[in-house]
Amino acid sequence: MPTPKVSFIIPTLNRERTIKACLKSIGDQTYPNKEIIIVDGGSRDKTLSIASKYATKIVLDKGSLGKASQRGVE
């Protein structure tokens, strides 16, 4: 029986100082079937550049934080 997929949905906005540690921590987990979805609200720093090295998918959405989380689920 295959392991279920675990999705990490992370809303971001100008988080270059913290995003790498967050994503590296997820990547270091030993669970084999995971995906990282970044929902970015229009970052103007290096957030997306850093996230692109770790994320499975990046979605751009300038809505509210709650809306960004829902967008990631979709």
PDB file of N, CA and C in Angstrom:
ATOM      1  N   MET A   1       0.847  -1.167   0.000  1.00  0.00           N
ATOM      2  CA  MET A   1       0.000   0.000   0.000  1.00  0.00           C
ATOM      3  C   MET A   1       0.905   1.247   0.000  1.00  0.00           C
ATOM      4  N   PRO A   2       0.712   2.160  -0.950  1.00  0.00           N
ATOM      5  CA  PRO A   2       1.564   3.353  -1.006  1.00  0.00           C
ATOM      6  C   PRO A   2       1.271   4.309   0.155  1.00  0.00           C
ATOM      7  N   THR A   3       2.278   5.066   0.524  1.00  0.00           N
ATOM      8  CA  THR A   3       2.092   6.049   1.590  1.00  0.00           C
ATOM      9  C   THR A   3       1.279   7.219   1.063  1.00  0.00           C
ATOM     10  N   PRO A   4       0.381   7.769   1.873  1.00  0.00           N
ATOM     11  CA  PRO A   4      -0.399   8.923   1.435  1.00  0.00           C
ATOM     12  C   PRO A   4       0.498  10.144   1.261  1.00  0.00           C
ATOM     13  N   LYS A   5       0.113  11.017   0.350  1.00  0.00           N
ATOM     14  CA  LYS A   5       0.864  12.241   0.129  1.00  0.00           C
ATOM     15  C   LYS A   5       0.535  13.253   1.222  1.00  0.00           C
ATOM     16  N   VAL A   6       1.570  13.894   1.739  1.00  0.00           N
ATOM     17  CA  VAL A   6       1.418  14.971   2.709  1.00  0.00           C
ATOM     18  C   VAL A   6       1.775  16.268   1.992  1.00  0.00           C
ATOM     19  N   SER A   7       0.867  17.232   2.037  1.00  0.00           N
ATOM     20  CA  SER A   7       1.083  18.521   1.387  1.00  0.00           C
ATOM     21  C   SER A   7       1.335  19.594   2.432  1.00  0.00           C
ATOM     22  N   PHE A   8       2.423  20.308   2.273  1.00  0.00           N
ATOM     23  CA  PHE A   8       2.735  21.470   3.107  1.00  0.00           C
ATOM     24  C   PHE A   8       2.383  22.696   2.285  1.00  0.00           C
ATOM     25  N   ILE A   9       1.396  23.451   2.728  1.00  0.00           N
ATOM     26  CA  ILE A   9       0.960  24.657   2.020  1.00  0.00           C
ATOM     27  C   ILE A   9       1.420  25.852   2.848  1.00  0.00           C
ATOM     28  N   ILE A  10       2.295  26.664   2.262  1.00  0.00           N
ATOM     29  CA  ILE A  10       2.923  27.746   3.007  1.00  0.00           C
ATOM     30  C   ILE A  10       2.638  29.080   2.333  1.00  0.00           C
ATOM     31  N   PRO A  11       1.770  29.903   2.930  1.00  0.00           N
ATOM     32  CA  PRO A  11       1.561  31.258   2.420  1.00  0.00           C
ATOM     33  C   PRO A  11       2.779  32.118   2.769  1.00  0.00           C
ATOM     34  N   THR A  12       3.246  32.928   1.835  1.00  0.00           N
ATOM     35  CA  THR A  12       4.416  33.771   2.081  1.00  0.00           C
ATOM     36  C   THR A  12       4.197  35.190   1.565  1.00  0.00           C
ATOM     37  N   LEU A  13       4.956  36.093   2.148  1.00  0.00           N
ATOM     38  CA  LEU A  13       5.042  37.468   1.663  1.00  0.00           C
ATOM     39  C   LEU A  13       6.291  38.085   2.284  1.00  0.00           C
ATOM     40  N   ASN A  14       7.296  38.281   1.456  1.00  0.00           N
ATOM     41  CA  ASN A  14       8.553  38.896   1.892  1.00  0.00           C
ATOM     42  C   ASN A  14       9.154  38.198   3.112  1.00  0.00           C
ATOM     43  N   ARG A  15       9.424  36.921   2.964  1.00  0.00           N
ATOM     44  CA  ARG A  15       9.953  36.108   4.067  1.00  0.00           C
ATOM     45  C   ARG A  15      11.334  35.538   3.768  1.00  0.00           C
ATOM     46  N   GLU A  16      12.168  36.276   3.049  1.00  0.00           N
ATOM     47  CA  GLU A  16      13.467  35.751   2.683  1.00  0.00           C
ATOM     48  C   GLU A  16      14.321  35.376   3.904  1.00  0.00           C
ATOM     49  N   ARG A  17      14.114  36.023   5.035  1.00  0.00           N
ATOM     50  CA  ARG A  17      14.936  35.731   6.216  1.00  0.00           C
ATOM     51  C   ARG A  17      14.590  34.390   6.862  1.00  0.00           C
ATOM     52  N   THR A  18      13.372  33.897   6.672  1.00  0.00           N
ATOM     53  CA  THR A  18      12.950  32.679   7.374  1.00  0.00           C
ATOM     54  C   THR A  18      12.565  31.516   6.464  1.00  0.00           C
ATOM     55  N   ILE A  19      12.305  31.771   5.207  1.00  0.00           N
ATOM     56  CA  ILE A  19      11.745  30.726   4.337  1.00  0.00           C
ATOM     57  C   ILE A  19      12.712  29.555   4.120  1.00  0.00           C
ATOM     58  N   LYS A  20      13.990  29.826   4.009  1.00  0.00           N
ATOM     59  CA  LYS A  20      14.941  28.744   3.763  1.00  0.00           C
ATOM     60  C   LYS A  20      14.946  27.734   4.907  1.00  0.00           C
ATOM     61  N   ALA A  21      14.994  28.207   6.139  1.00  0.00           N
ATOM     62  CA  ALA A  21      15.001  27.293   7.287  1.00  0.00           C
ATOM     63  C   ALA A  21      13.724  26.466   7.331  1.00  0.00           C
ATOM     64  N   CYS A  22      12.605  27.103   7.047  1.00  0.00           N
ATOM     65  CA  CYS A  22      11.324  26.408   7.030  1.00  0.00           C
ATOM     66  C   CYS A  22      11.319  25.292   5.980  1.00  0.00           C
ATOM     67  N   LEU A  23      11.699  25.643   4.769  1.00  0.00           N
ATOM     68  CA  LEU A  23      11.650  24.674   3.675  1.00  0.00           C
ATOM     69  C   LEU A  23      12.702  23.582   3.824  1.00  0.00           C
ATOM     70  N   LYS A  24      13.858  23.933   4.336  1.00  0.00           N
ATOM     71  CA  LYS A  24      14.902  22.936   4.562  1.00  0.00           C
ATOM     72  C   LYS A  24      14.441  21.930   5.609  1.00  0.00           C
ATOM     73  N   SER A  25      13.780  22.404   6.640  1.00  0.00           N
ATOM     74  CA  SER A  25      13.271  21.522   7.679  1.00  0.00           C
ATOM     75  C   SER A  25      12.277  20.512   7.110  1.00  0.00           C
ATOM     76  N   ILE A  26      11.404  20.977   6.252  1.00  0.00           N
ATOM     77  CA  ILE A  26      10.447  20.067   5.610  1.00  0.00           C
ATOM     78  C   ILE A  26      11.183  19.074   4.720  1.00  0.00           C
ATOM     79  N   GLY A  27      12.134  19.583   3.939  1.00  0.00           N
ATOM     80  CA  GLY A  27      12.897  18.718   3.037  1.00  0.00           C
ATOM     81  C   GLY A  27      13.701  17.666   3.767  1.00  0.00           C
ATOM     82  N   ASP A  28      14.136  17.960   4.972  1.00  0.00           N
ATOM     83  CA  ASP A  28      14.933  17.012   5.754  1.00  0.00           C
ATOM     84  C   ASP A  28      14.109  15.894   6.371  1.00  0.00           C
ATOM     85  N   GLN A  29      12.799  16.006   6.333  1.00  0.00           N
ATOM     86  CA  GLN A  29      11.946  14.948   6.884  1.00  0.00           C
ATOM     87  C   GLN A  29      12.117  13.665   6.055  1.00  0.00           C
ATOM     88  N   THR A  30      12.036  12.539   6.703  1.00  0.00           N
ATOM     89  CA  THR A  30      12.272  11.269   6.024  1.00  0.00           C
ATOM     90  C   THR A  30      11.022  10.691   5.372  1.00  0.00           C
ATOM     91  N   TYR A  31       9.881  11.307   5.598  1.00  0.00           N
ATOM     92  CA  TYR A  31       8.653  10.813   4.990  1.00  0.00           C
ATOM     93  C   TYR A  31       8.803  10.884   3.466  1.00  0.00           C
ATOM     94  N   PRO A  32       8.522   9.800   2.752  1.00  0.00           N
ATOM     95  CA  PRO A  32       8.861   9.750   1.326  1.00  0.00           C
ATOM     96  C   PRO A  32       7.912  10.456   0.359  1.00  0.00           C
ATOM     97  N   ASN A  33       6.672  10.672   0.733  1.00  0.00           N
ATOM     98  CA  ASN A  33       5.695  11.170  -0.236  1.00  0.00           C
ATOM     99  C   ASN A  33       5.149  12.518   0.228  1.00  0.00           C
ATOM    100  N   LYS A  34       5.898  13.573  -0.077  1.00  0.00           N
ATOM    101  CA  LYS A  34       5.480  14.907   0.369  1.00  0.00           C
ATOM    102  C   LYS A  34       5.642  15.904  -0.770  1.00  0.00           C
ATOM    103  N   GLU A  35       4.874  16.982  -0.647  1.00  0.00           N
ATOM    104  CA  GLU A  35       4.994  18.086  -1.597  1.00  0.00           C
ATOM    105  C   GLU A  35       4.963  19.393  -0.819  1.00  0.00           C
ATOM    106  N   ILE A  36       5.633  20.401  -1.373  1.00  0.00           N
ATOM    107  CA  ILE A  36       5.663  21.720  -0.756  1.00  0.00           C
ATOM    108  C   ILE A  36       5.052  22.702  -1.741  1.00  0.00           C
ATOM    109  N   ILE A  37       3.979  23.339  -1.319  1.00  0.00           N
ATOM    110  CA  ILE A  37       3.294  24.321  -2.152  1.00  0.00           C
ATOM    111  C   ILE A  37       3.446  25.691  -1.502  1.00  0.00           C
ATOM    112  N   ILE A  38       4.047  26.611  -2.219  1.00  0.00           N
ATOM    113  CA  ILE A  38       4.200  27.983  -1.743  1.00  0.00           C
ATOM    114  C   ILE A  38       3.120  28.825  -2.409  1.00  0.00           C
ATOM    115  N   VAL A  39       2.373  29.578  -1.618  1.00  0.00           N
ATOM    116  CA  VAL A  39       1.394  30.521  -2.150  1.00  0.00           C
ATOM    117  C   VAL A  39       1.901  31.906  -1.765  1.00  0.00           C
ATOM    118  N   ASP A  40       2.432  32.625  -2.743  1.00  0.00           N
ATOM    119  CA  ASP A  40       3.079  33.903  -2.468  1.00  0.00           C
ATOM    120  C   ASP A  40       2.165  35.072  -2.805  1.00  0.00           C
ATOM    121  N   GLY A  41       2.142  36.033  -1.897  1.00  0.00           N
ATOM    122  CA  GLY A  41       1.271  37.195  -2.041  1.00  0.00           C
ATOM    123  C   GLY A  41       1.907  38.389  -2.731  1.00  0.00           C
ATOM    124  N   GLY A  42       2.989  38.172  -3.485  1.00  0.00           N
ATOM    125  CA  GLY A  42       3.625  39.268  -4.210  1.00  0.00           C
ATOM    126  C   GLY A  42       4.917  39.733  -3.572  1.00  0.00           C
ATOM    127  N   SER A  43       5.723  38.817  -3.099  1.00  0.00           N
ATOM    128  CA  SER A  43       6.985  39.172  -2.446  1.00  0.00           C
ATOM    129  C   SER A  43       7.867  40.013  -3.353  1.00  0.00           C
ATOM    130  N   ARG A  44       8.527  40.983  -2.729  1.00  0.00           N
ATOM    131  CA  ARG A  44       9.448  41.857  -3.467  1.00  0.00           C
ATOM    132  C   ARG A  44      10.893  41.622  -3.048  1.00  0.00           C
ATOM    133  N   ASP A  45      11.122  40.618  -2.231  1.00  0.00           N
ATOM    134  CA  ASP A  45      12.473  40.288  -1.817  1.00  0.00           C
ATOM    135  C   ASP A  45      12.885  38.978  -2.499  1.00  0.00           C
ATOM    136  N   LYS A  46      13.740  38.196  -1.897  1.00  0.00           N
ATOM    137  CA  LYS A  46      14.249  36.962  -2.513  1.00  0.00           C
ATOM    138  C   LYS A  46      13.453  35.721  -2.122  1.00  0.00           C
ATOM    139  N   THR A  47      12.281  35.909  -1.559  1.00  0.00           N
ATOM    140  CA  THR A  47      11.469  34.770  -1.114  1.00  0.00           C
ATOM    141  C   THR A  47      11.259  33.751  -2.232  1.00  0.00           C
ATOM    142  N   LEU A  48      10.823  34.189  -3.393  1.00  0.00           N
ATOM    143  CA  LEU A  48      10.515  33.253  -4.483  1.00  0.00           C
ATOM    144  C   LEU A  48      11.761  32.577  -5.027  1.00  0.00           C
ATOM    145  N   SER A  49      12.858  33.287  -5.068  1.00  0.00           N
ATOM    146  CA  SER A  49      14.121  32.704  -5.529  1.00  0.00           C
ATOM    147  C   SER A  49      14.550  31.572  -4.605  1.00  0.00           C
ATOM    148  N   ILE A  50      14.444  31.797  -3.322  1.00  0.00           N
ATOM    149  CA  ILE A  50      14.797  30.770  -2.338  1.00  0.00           C
ATOM    150  C   ILE A  50      13.797  29.621  -2.397  1.00  0.00           C
ATOM    151  N   ALA A  51      12.525  29.942  -2.435  1.00  0.00           N
ATOM    152  CA  ALA A  51      11.476  28.912  -2.439  1.00  0.00           C
ATOM    153  C   ALA A  51      11.568  28.003  -3.654  1.00  0.00           C
ATOM    154  N   SER A  52      11.975  28.543  -4.785  1.00  0.00           N
ATOM    155  CA  SER A  52      12.029  27.738  -6.014  1.00  0.00           C
ATOM    156  C   SER A  52      13.022  26.585  -5.914  1.00  0.00           C
ATOM    157  N   LYS A  53      13.951  26.654  -4.988  1.00  0.00           N
ATOM    158  CA  LYS A  53      14.933  25.580  -4.806  1.00  0.00           C
ATOM    159  C   LYS A  53      14.359  24.404  -4.017  1.00  0.00           C
ATOM    160  N   TYR A  54      13.254  24.621  -3.324  1.00  0.00           N
ATOM    161  CA  TYR A  54      12.693  23.596  -2.444  1.00  0.00           C
ATOM    162  C   TYR A  54      11.258  23.199  -2.794  1.00  0.00           C
ATOM    163  N   ALA A  55      10.488  24.122  -3.315  1.00  0.00           N
ATOM    164  CA  ALA A  55       9.050  23.906  -3.484  1.00  0.00           C
ATOM    165  C   ALA A  55       8.736  22.999  -4.666  1.00  0.00           C
ATOM    166  N   THR A  56       7.679  22.234  -4.529  1.00  0.00           N
ATOM    167  CA  THR A  56       7.151  21.424  -5.611  1.00  0.00           C
ATOM    168  C   THR A  56       6.371  22.303  -6.575  1.00  0.00           C
ATOM    169  N   LYS A  57       5.653  23.283  -5.999  1.00  0.00           N
ATOM    170  CA  LYS A  57       4.826  24.184  -6.801  1.00  0.00           C
ATOM    171  C   LYS A  57       4.788  25.551  -6.133  1.00  0.00           C
ATOM    172  N   ILE A  58       4.783  26.605  -6.965  1.00  0.00           N
ATOM    173  CA  ILE A  58       4.646  27.969  -6.460  1.00  0.00           C
ATOM    174  C   ILE A  58       3.437  28.590  -7.139  1.00  0.00           C
ATOM    175  N   VAL A  59       2.538  29.133  -6.313  1.00  0.00           N
ATOM    176  CA  VAL A  59       1.323  29.778  -6.795  1.00  0.00           C
ATOM    177  C   VAL A  59       1.388  31.241  -6.378  1.00  0.00           C
ATOM    178  N   LEU A  60       1.090  32.137  -7.297  1.00  0.00           N
ATOM    179  CA  LEU A  60       1.052  33.561  -6.975  1.00  0.00           C
ATOM    180  C   LEU A  60      -0.383  33.970  -6.731  1.00  0.00           C
ATOM    181  N   ASP A  61      -0.632  34.594  -5.569  1.00  0.00           N
ATOM    182  CA  ASP A  61      -1.980  35.008  -5.209  1.00  0.00           C
ATOM    183  C   ASP A  61      -1.876  36.171  -4.232  1.00  0.00           C
ATOM    184  N   LYS A  62      -2.353  37.329  -4.613  1.00  0.00           N
ATOM    185  CA  LYS A  62      -2.245  38.516  -3.766  1.00  0.00           C
ATOM    186  C   LYS A  62      -3.460  38.698  -2.859  1.00  0.00           C
ATOM    187  N   GLY A  63      -4.159  37.627  -2.547  1.00  0.00           N
ATOM    188  CA  GLY A  63      -5.316  37.711  -1.645  1.00  0.00           C
ATOM    189  C   GLY A  63      -4.884  37.697  -0.195  1.00  0.00           C
ATOM    190  N   SER A  64      -5.822  37.510   0.689  1.00  0.00           N
ATOM    191  CA  SER A  64      -5.547  37.463   2.121  1.00  0.00           C
ATOM    192  C   SER A  64      -4.871  36.149   2.496  1.00  0.00           C
ATOM    193  N   LEU A  65      -4.345  36.085   3.715  1.00  0.00           N
ATOM    194  CA  LEU A  65      -3.655  34.893   4.183  1.00  0.00           C
ATOM    195  C   LEU A  65      -4.559  33.664   4.137  1.00  0.00           C
ATOM    196  N   GLY A  66      -5.789  33.796   4.616  1.00  0.00           N
ATOM    197  CA  GLY A  66      -6.729  32.683   4.580  1.00  0.00           C
ATOM    198  C   GLY A  66      -7.042  32.261   3.163  1.00  0.00           C
ATOM    199  N   LYS A  67      -7.212  33.228   2.304  1.00  0.00           N
ATOM    200  CA  LYS A  67      -7.488  32.944   0.898  1.00  0.00           C
ATOM    201  C   LYS A  67      -6.287  32.245   0.251  1.00  0.00           C
ATOM    202  N   ALA A  68      -5.078  32.662   0.627  1.00  0.00           N
ATOM    203  CA  ALA A  68      -3.869  32.045   0.077  1.00  0.00           C
ATOM    204  C   ALA A  68      -3.783  30.579   0.474  1.00  0.00           C
ATOM    205  N   SER A  69      -4.127  30.269   1.720  1.00  0.00           N
ATOM    206  CA  SER A  69      -4.120  28.885   2.169  1.00  0.00           C
ATOM    207  C   SER A  69      -5.109  28.050   1.379  1.00  0.00           C
ATOM    208  N   GLN A  70      -6.299  28.576   1.170  1.00  0.00           N
ATOM    209  CA  GLN A  70      -7.308  27.858   0.394  1.00  0.00           C
ATOM    210  C   GLN A  70      -6.848  27.672  -1.042  1.00  0.00           C
ATOM    211  N   ARG A  71      -6.229  28.671  -1.602  1.00  0.00           N
ATOM    212  CA  ARG A  71      -5.718  28.590  -2.981  1.00  0.00           C
ATOM    213  C   ARG A  71      -4.688  27.473  -3.099  1.00  0.00           C
ATOM    214  N   GLY A  72      -3.861  27.316  -2.085  1.00  0.00           N
ATOM    215  CA  GLY A  72      -2.875  26.225  -2.076  1.00  0.00           C
ATOM    216  C   GLY A  72      -3.536  24.862  -2.064  1.00  0.00           C
ATOM    217  N   VAL A  73      -4.613  24.728  -1.325  1.00  0.00           N
ATOM    218  CA  VAL A  73      -5.354  23.471  -1.285  1.00  0.00           C
ATOM    219  C   VAL A  73      -5.934  23.148  -2.651  1.00  0.00           C
ATOM    220  N   GLU A  74      -6.469  24.173  -3.294  1.00  0.00           N
ATOM    221  CA  GLU A  74      -7.058  23.974  -4.630  1.00  0.00           C
ATOM    222  C   GLU A  74      -6.014  23.558  -5.619  1.00  0.00           C
TER     223      GLU A  74
END
